[in-house]
Amino acid sequence: MLKRQPSALRRFVSSKVRGTKGLELVSRSARTEKCAGCSVPENCRTFRIERGCQGAFPKWEWATTSIDIHLGGFNNPAMAKPGAVRRIKSYSAANGYVYQYYFYELNRVSVDGVAAGEFVYAISADRGTSFGMRIFVMQAALDAWATANGRALTSSEEYAAAKMRLFQAFDEGVVPLTAEAAREVRLVVDESNLEDLLRMLNI
């Protein structure tokens, strides 16, 4: 079994520790002399230890390069997410008005106890103020159409049916011009008009 031999650095330290008293910086010439006889690095600082100090031990101070690390977190805080880009479109209605509109959101709601999809559009008739207009696509009408045609409408087709109902309301002049009046209007896609709206889309 091989026995590990102490390194030159360890032998040098051990010879200086026994029966010593105080610490004193070694001169550069003395350090060079010690380095010539063993593997003591040139860039370390050694100490001469006087006799009489029990348990003294020289510390080797290696020349190192320090790096400052900021512990307060990242330099750049998390940025706020940008808002959704809305595509504003125009529609020239049969009643002479030119409406501006864009799709705002879809919610799954209950209308008089019946499930429905609530498609909310932001519309404007004067290019200055806008307000929300809701179109309710009844789930019962979607289920009836799926049973009759052997497949369910996709989400894109459901969205298109709601959009055609909005256009129909533009042409009929039933879309109000103020937010207060819009609260009283309910545009619905149900079994009575779903087929006609889909036929306009060639579905």
C-alpha atoms as a PDB file:
ATOM      1  CA  MET A   1       0.000   0.000   0.000  1.00  0.00           C
ATOM      2  CA  LEU A   2       1.423   3.357  -1.041  1.00  0.00           C
ATOM      3  CA  LYS A   3       1.994   5.925   1.652  1.00  0.00           C
ATOM      4  CA  ARG A   4       1.398   9.511   0.586  1.00  0.00           C
ATOM      5  CA  GLN A   5       4.409  11.718   1.141  1.00  0.00           C
ATOM      6  CA  PRO A   6       3.835  15.173   2.641  1.00  0.00           C
ATOM      7  CA  SER A   7       4.195  17.978   0.150  1.00  0.00           C
ATOM      8  CA  ALA A   8       7.098  20.417   0.265  1.00  0.00           C
ATOM      9  CA  LEU A   9       4.680  23.139   1.364  1.00  0.00           C
ATOM     10  CA  ARG A  10       3.440  20.998   4.247  1.00  0.00           C
ATOM     11  CA  ARG A  11       7.008  20.127   5.350  1.00  0.00           C
ATOM     12  CA  PHE A  12       7.953  23.781   5.300  1.00  0.00           C
ATOM     13  CA  VAL A  13       4.957  24.773   7.433  1.00  0.00           C
ATOM     14  CA  SER A  14       5.527  21.934   9.934  1.00  0.00           C
ATOM     15  CA  SER A  15       9.154  22.891  10.474  1.00  0.00           C
ATOM     16  CA  LYS A  16       8.136  26.421  11.337  1.00  0.00           C
ATOM     17  CA  VAL A  17       5.262  25.662  13.724  1.00  0.00           C
ATOM     18  CA  ARG A  18       6.874  23.689  16.551  1.00  0.00           C
ATOM     19  CA  GLY A  19       7.682  25.668  19.715  1.00  0.00           C
ATOM     20  CA  THR A  20       7.119  29.104  18.252  1.00  0.00           C
ATOM     21  CA  LYS A  21       5.904  32.361  19.719  1.00  0.00           C
ATOM     22  CA  GLY A  22       5.151  35.341  17.488  1.00  0.00           C
ATOM     23  CA  LEU A  23       4.572  36.077  13.818  1.00  0.00           C
ATOM     24  CA  GLU A  24       6.802  38.274  11.743  1.00  0.00           C
ATOM     25  CA  LEU A  25       6.792  38.940   8.017  1.00  0.00           C
ATOM     26  CA  VAL A  26       9.733  37.304   6.279  1.00  0.00           C
ATOM     27  CA  SER A  27      11.867  39.548   4.103  1.00  0.00           C
ATOM     28  CA  ARG A  28      11.762  39.098   0.338  1.00  0.00           C
ATOM     29  CA  SER A  29      15.308  37.719   0.239  1.00  0.00           C
ATOM     30  CA  ALA A  30      14.549  35.159   2.953  1.00  0.00           C
ATOM     31  CA  ARG A  31      11.370  34.124   1.142  1.00  0.00           C
ATOM     32  CA  THR A  32      13.283  33.669  -2.099  1.00  0.00           C
ATOM     33  CA  GLU A  33      15.816  31.509  -0.274  1.00  0.00           C
ATOM     34  CA  LYS A  34      13.043  29.296   1.138  1.00  0.00           C
ATOM     35  CA  CYS A  35      11.380  29.008  -2.249  1.00  0.00           C
ATOM     36  CA  ALA A  36      14.587  27.791  -3.789  1.00  0.00           C
ATOM     37  CA  GLY A  37      14.607  24.699  -1.570  1.00  0.00           C
ATOM     38  CA  CYS A  38      10.917  23.728  -1.764  1.00  0.00           C
ATOM     39  CA  SER A  39       7.685  24.339  -3.649  1.00  0.00           C
ATOM     40  CA  VAL A  40       6.574  27.495  -1.864  1.00  0.00           C
ATOM     41  CA  PRO A  41       4.834  29.832  -4.348  1.00  0.00           C
ATOM     42  CA  GLU A  42       6.515  33.137  -5.092  1.00  0.00           C
ATOM     43  CA  ASN A  43       3.248  35.065  -4.841  1.00  0.00           C
ATOM     44  CA  CYS A  44       2.396  34.030  -1.283  1.00  0.00           C
ATOM     45  CA  ARG A  45       3.309  35.810   1.962  1.00  0.00           C
ATOM     46  CA  THR A  46       5.189  33.703   4.553  1.00  0.00           C
ATOM     47  CA  PHE A  47       5.751  34.389   8.229  1.00  0.00           C
ATOM     48  CA  ARG A  48       8.661  33.682  10.563  1.00  0.00           C
ATOM     49  CA  ILE A  49       7.295  32.259  13.833  1.00  0.00           C
ATOM     50  CA  GLU A  50       9.335  32.856  16.999  1.00  0.00           C
ATOM     51  CA  ARG A  51       9.821  30.141  19.568  1.00  0.00           C
ATOM     52  CA  GLY A  52       7.477  29.768  22.540  1.00  0.00           C
ATOM     53  CA  CYS A  53       4.086  30.225  20.871  1.00  0.00           C
ATOM     54  CA  GLN A  54       2.075  26.981  21.244  1.00  0.00           C
ATOM     55  CA  GLY A  55      -0.400  26.165  18.458  1.00  0.00           C
ATOM     56  CA  ALA A  56       0.729  28.938  16.127  1.00  0.00           C
ATOM     57  CA  PHE A  57       0.233  28.292  12.449  1.00  0.00           C
ATOM     58  CA  PRO A  58       1.250  30.455   9.502  1.00  0.00           C
ATOM     59  CA  LYS A  59      -1.436  31.348   6.958  1.00  0.00           C
ATOM     60  CA  TRP A  60      -0.666  31.434   3.271  1.00  0.00           C
ATOM     61  CA  GLU A  61      -2.256  34.365   1.499  1.00  0.00           C
ATOM     62  CA  TRP A  62      -2.600  33.609  -2.201  1.00  0.00           C
ATOM     63  CA  ALA A  63      -2.765  36.426  -4.689  1.00  0.00           C
ATOM     64  CA  THR A  64      -6.272  36.254  -6.138  1.00  0.00           C
ATOM     65  CA  THR A  65      -8.482  38.471  -8.252  1.00  0.00           C
ATOM     66  CA  SER A  66     -11.827  39.418  -6.700  1.00  0.00           C
ATOM     67  CA  ILE A  67     -15.072  39.916  -8.619  1.00  0.00           C
ATOM     68  CA  ASP A  68     -17.774  42.216  -7.313  1.00  0.00           C
ATOM     69  CA  ILE A  69     -21.203  40.555  -7.315  1.00  0.00           C
ATOM     70  CA  HIS A  70     -24.331  42.625  -6.792  1.00  0.00           C
ATOM     71  CA  LEU A  71     -26.569  40.766  -4.366  1.00  0.00           C
ATOM     72  CA  GLY A  72     -29.594  43.031  -4.742  1.00  0.00           C
ATOM     73  CA  GLY A  73     -31.078  41.189  -7.713  1.00  0.00           C
ATOM     74  CA  PHE A  74     -30.960  41.742 -11.453  1.00  0.00           C
ATOM     75  CA  ASN A  75     -30.018  45.124 -12.873  1.00  0.00           C
ATOM     76  CA  ASN A  76     -33.146  45.195 -15.028  1.00  0.00           C
ATOM     77  CA  PRO A  77     -36.459  44.447 -13.280  1.00  0.00           C
ATOM     78  CA  ALA A  78     -39.100  42.384 -15.037  1.00  0.00           C
ATOM     79  CA  MET A  79     -40.775  44.403 -17.754  1.00  0.00           C
ATOM     80  CA  ALA A  80     -44.527  44.698 -17.947  1.00  0.00           C
ATOM     81  CA  LYS A  81     -46.128  42.614 -20.663  1.00  0.00           C
ATOM     82  CA  PRO A  82     -47.244  44.636 -23.648  1.00  0.00           C
ATOM     83  CA  GLY A  83     -50.959  45.009 -24.191  1.00  0.00           C
ATOM     84  CA  ALA A  84     -52.707  43.016 -26.889  1.00  0.00           C
ATOM     85  CA  VAL A  85     -52.617  44.617 -30.326  1.00  0.00           C
ATOM     86  CA  ARG A  86     -56.176  45.204 -31.547  1.00  0.00           C
ATOM     87  CA  ARG A  87     -56.922  45.176 -35.258  1.00  0.00           C
ATOM     88  CA  ILE A  88     -59.496  47.904 -35.802  1.00  0.00           C
ATOM     89  CA  LYS A  89     -61.669  47.232 -38.852  1.00  0.00           C
ATOM     90  CA  SER A  90     -64.395  49.176 -40.623  1.00  0.00           C
ATOM     91  CA  TYR A  91     -67.803  48.078 -41.870  1.00  0.00           C
ATOM     92  CA  SER A  92     -70.050  50.123 -44.166  1.00  0.00           C
ATOM     93  CA  ALA A  93     -73.574  49.254 -43.096  1.00  0.00           C
ATOM     94  CA  ALA A  94     -76.676  49.308 -45.274  1.00  0.00           C
ATOM     95  CA  ASN A  95     -78.104  52.147 -43.180  1.00  0.00           C
ATOM     96  CA  GLY A  96     -75.298  54.495 -44.255  1.00  0.00           C
ATOM     97  CA  TYR A  97     -73.188  54.364 -41.104  1.00  0.00           C
ATOM     98  CA  VAL A  98     -69.551  53.316 -41.200  1.00  0.00           C
ATOM     99  CA  TYR A  99     -68.769  51.439 -38.011  1.00  0.00           C
ATOM    100  CA  GLN A 100     -65.384  50.650 -36.582  1.00  0.00           C
ATOM    101  CA  TYR A 101     -65.044  47.493 -34.545  1.00  0.00           C
ATOM    102  CA  TYR A 102     -62.613  44.958 -33.128  1.00  0.00           C
ATOM    103  CA  PHE A 103     -62.972  41.712 -31.230  1.00  0.00           C
ATOM    104  CA  TYR A 104     -62.324  42.144 -27.517  1.00  0.00           C
ATOM    105  CA  GLU A 105     -62.909  38.862 -25.662  1.00  0.00           C
ATOM    106  CA  LEU A 106     -64.860  35.610 -25.361  1.00  0.00           C
ATOM    107  CA  ASN A 107     -66.543  34.473 -22.164  1.00  0.00           C
ATOM    108  CA  ARG A 108     -68.496  31.337 -21.354  1.00  0.00           C
ATOM    109  CA  VAL A 109     -71.624  32.510 -19.534  1.00  0.00           C
ATOM    110  CA  SER A 110     -75.159  31.482 -18.648  1.00  0.00           C
ATOM    111  CA  VAL A 111     -78.090  33.353 -20.204  1.00  0.00           C
ATOM    112  CA  ASP A 112     -81.389  32.711 -18.425  1.00  0.00           C
ATOM    113  CA  GLY A 113     -79.949  29.450 -17.122  1.00  0.00           C
ATOM    114  CA  VAL A 114     -78.724  28.316 -20.558  1.00  0.00           C
ATOM    115  CA  ALA A 115     -75.025  28.026 -21.456  1.00  0.00           C
ATOM    116  CA  ALA A 116     -73.741  30.393 -24.118  1.00  0.00           C
ATOM    117  CA  GLY A 117     -70.611  31.943 -25.524  1.00  0.00           C
ATOM    118  CA  GLU A 118     -70.407  35.698 -25.015  1.00  0.00           C
ATOM    119  CA  PHE A 119     -68.477  37.387 -27.830  1.00  0.00           C
ATOM    120  CA  VAL A 120     -67.664  40.976 -26.907  1.00  0.00           C
ATOM    121  CA  TYR A 121     -66.839  43.525 -29.600  1.00  0.00           C
ATOM    122  CA  ALA A 122     -65.756  47.122 -29.154  1.00  0.00           C
ATOM    123  CA  ILE A 123     -67.540  49.293 -31.700  1.00  0.00           C
ATOM    124  CA  SER A 124     -67.631  52.966 -32.630  1.00  0.00           C
ATOM    125  CA  ALA A 125     -69.941  54.945 -34.929  1.00  0.00           C
ATOM    126  CA  ASP A 126     -68.237  58.329 -34.670  1.00  0.00           C
ATOM    127  CA  ARG A 127     -64.525  57.339 -34.591  1.00  0.00           C
ATOM    128  CA  GLY A 128     -64.270  59.086 -31.242  1.00  0.00           C
ATOM    129  CA  THR A 129     -65.921  56.963 -28.582  1.00  0.00           C
ATOM    130  CA  SER A 130     -66.259  53.199 -28.401  1.00  0.00           C
ATOM    131  CA  PHE A 131     -68.289  50.807 -26.285  1.00  0.00           C
ATOM    132  CA  GLY A 132     -68.870  47.112 -25.902  1.00  0.00           C
ATOM    133  CA  MET A 133     -71.434  45.096 -27.847  1.00  0.00           C
ATOM    134  CA  ARG A 134     -72.188  41.527 -26.803  1.00  0.00           C
ATOM    135  CA  ILE A 135     -73.297  38.664 -29.054  1.00  0.00           C
ATOM    136  CA  PHE A 136     -74.511  35.507 -27.324  1.00  0.00           C
ATOM    137  CA  VAL A 137     -74.066  32.215 -29.197  1.00  0.00           C
ATOM    138  CA  MET A 138     -76.377  29.729 -27.478  1.00  0.00           C
ATOM    139  CA  GLN A 139     -74.882  26.326 -26.712  1.00  0.00           C
ATOM    140  CA  ALA A 140     -78.229  24.595 -27.395  1.00  0.00           C
ATOM    141  CA  ALA A 141     -78.132  25.836 -31.013  1.00  0.00           C
ATOM    142  CA  LEU A 142     -74.566  24.559 -31.408  1.00  0.00           C
ATOM    143  CA  ASP A 143     -75.520  21.147 -30.025  1.00  0.00           C
ATOM    144  CA  ALA A 144     -78.540  20.899 -32.327  1.00  0.00           C
ATOM    145  CA  TRP A 145     -76.411  21.796 -35.363  1.00  0.00           C
ATOM    146  CA  ALA A 146     -73.768  19.221 -34.384  1.00  0.00           C
ATOM    147  CA  THR A 147     -76.430  16.495 -34.084  1.00  0.00           C
ATOM    148  CA  ALA A 148     -77.907  17.359 -37.476  1.00  0.00           C
ATOM    149  CA  ASN A 149     -74.555  17.575 -39.299  1.00  0.00           C
ATOM    150  CA  GLY A 150     -72.549  14.869 -37.580  1.00  0.00           C
ATOM    151  CA  ARG A 151     -69.847  17.228 -36.277  1.00  0.00           C
ATOM    152  CA  ALA A 152     -69.487  20.191 -33.977  1.00  0.00           C
ATOM    153  CA  LEU A 153     -68.631  23.669 -35.143  1.00  0.00           C
ATOM    154  CA  THR A 154     -65.043  24.665 -34.567  1.00  0.00           C
ATOM    155  CA  SER A 155     -64.187  27.649 -32.401  1.00  0.00           C
ATOM    156  CA  SER A 156     -63.338  29.636 -35.555  1.00  0.00           C
ATOM    157  CA  GLU A 157     -66.720  28.824 -37.093  1.00  0.00           C
ATOM    158  CA  GLU A 158     -68.484  29.798 -33.869  1.00  0.00           C
ATOM    159  CA  TYR A 159     -66.579  33.091 -33.878  1.00  0.00           C
ATOM    160  CA  ALA A 160     -67.508  33.676 -37.527  1.00  0.00           C
ATOM    161  CA  ALA A 161     -71.207  33.117 -36.789  1.00  0.00           C
ATOM    162  CA  ALA A 162     -71.083  35.702 -33.992  1.00  0.00           C
ATOM    163  CA  LYS A 163     -69.316  38.157 -36.313  1.00  0.00           C
ATOM    164  CA  MET A 164     -71.949  37.703 -39.018  1.00  0.00           C
ATOM    165  CA  ARG A 165     -74.641  38.400 -36.432  1.00  0.00           C
ATOM    166  CA  LEU A 166     -72.884  41.679 -35.629  1.00  0.00           C
ATOM    167  CA  PHE A 167     -72.774  42.621 -39.328  1.00  0.00           C
ATOM    168  CA  GLN A 168     -76.444  41.778 -39.626  1.00  0.00           C
ATOM    169  CA  ALA A 169     -77.203  44.114 -36.723  1.00  0.00           C
ATOM    170  CA  PHE A 170     -75.147  46.866 -38.398  1.00  0.00           C
ATOM    171  CA  ASP A 171     -77.169  46.527 -41.594  1.00  0.00           C
ATOM    172  CA  GLU A 172     -80.490  46.445 -39.752  1.00  0.00           C
ATOM    173  CA  GLY A 173     -79.607  49.580 -37.801  1.00  0.00           C
ATOM    174  CA  VAL A 174     -80.238  47.952 -34.431  1.00  0.00           C
ATOM    175  CA  VAL A 175     -76.772  48.690 -33.105  1.00  0.00           C
ATOM    176  CA  PRO A 176     -77.047  51.687 -30.752  1.00  0.00           C
ATOM    177  CA  LEU A 177     -74.754  54.678 -30.934  1.00  0.00           C
ATOM    178  CA  THR A 178     -74.050  55.054 -27.204  1.00  0.00           C
ATOM    179  CA  ALA A 179     -72.785  52.823 -24.427  1.00  0.00           C
ATOM    180  CA  GLU A 180     -75.923  53.423 -22.356  1.00  0.00           C
ATOM    181  CA  ALA A 181     -78.187  52.163 -25.119  1.00  0.00           C
ATOM    182  CA  ALA A 182     -75.886  49.202 -25.868  1.00  0.00           C
ATOM    183  CA  ARG A 183     -76.502  47.799 -22.385  1.00  0.00           C
ATOM    184  CA  GLU A 184     -80.139  47.198 -23.309  1.00  0.00           C
ATOM    185  CA  VAL A 185     -79.396  45.387 -26.590  1.00  0.00           C
ATOM    186  CA  ARG A 186     -78.975  41.629 -26.705  1.00  0.00           C
ATOM    187  CA  LEU A 187     -77.804  40.084 -29.966  1.00  0.00           C
ATOM    188  CA  VAL A 188     -78.352  36.334 -29.979  1.00  0.00           C
ATOM    189  CA  VAL A 189     -77.326  33.457 -32.225  1.00  0.00           C
ATOM    190  CA  ASP A 190     -79.762  30.608 -31.619  1.00  0.00           C
ATOM    191  CA  GLU A 191     -81.572  27.859 -33.531  1.00  0.00           C
ATOM    192  CA  SER A 192     -83.715  30.407 -35.358  1.00  0.00           C
ATOM    193  CA  ASN A 193     -80.834  32.119 -37.183  1.00  0.00           C
ATOM    194  CA  LEU A 194     -77.746  29.909 -36.891  1.00  0.00           C
ATOM    195  CA  GLU A 195     -78.325  28.118 -40.212  1.00  0.00           C
ATOM    196  CA  ASP A 196     -78.812  31.400 -42.073  1.00  0.00           C
ATOM    197  CA  LEU A 197     -75.625  32.885 -40.626  1.00  0.00           C
ATOM    198  CA  LEU A 198     -73.614  29.801 -41.483  1.00  0.00           C
ATOM    199  CA  ARG A 199     -75.049  29.774 -45.016  1.00  0.00           C
ATOM    200  CA  MET A 200     -73.626  33.272 -45.505  1.00  0.00           C
ATOM    201  CA  LEU A 201     -70.238  31.753 -44.621  1.00  0.00           C
ATOM    202  CA  ASN A 202     -70.736  28.760 -46.972  1.00  0.00           C
ATOM    203  CA  ILE A 203     -70.686  26.374 -44.018  1.00  0.00           C
END
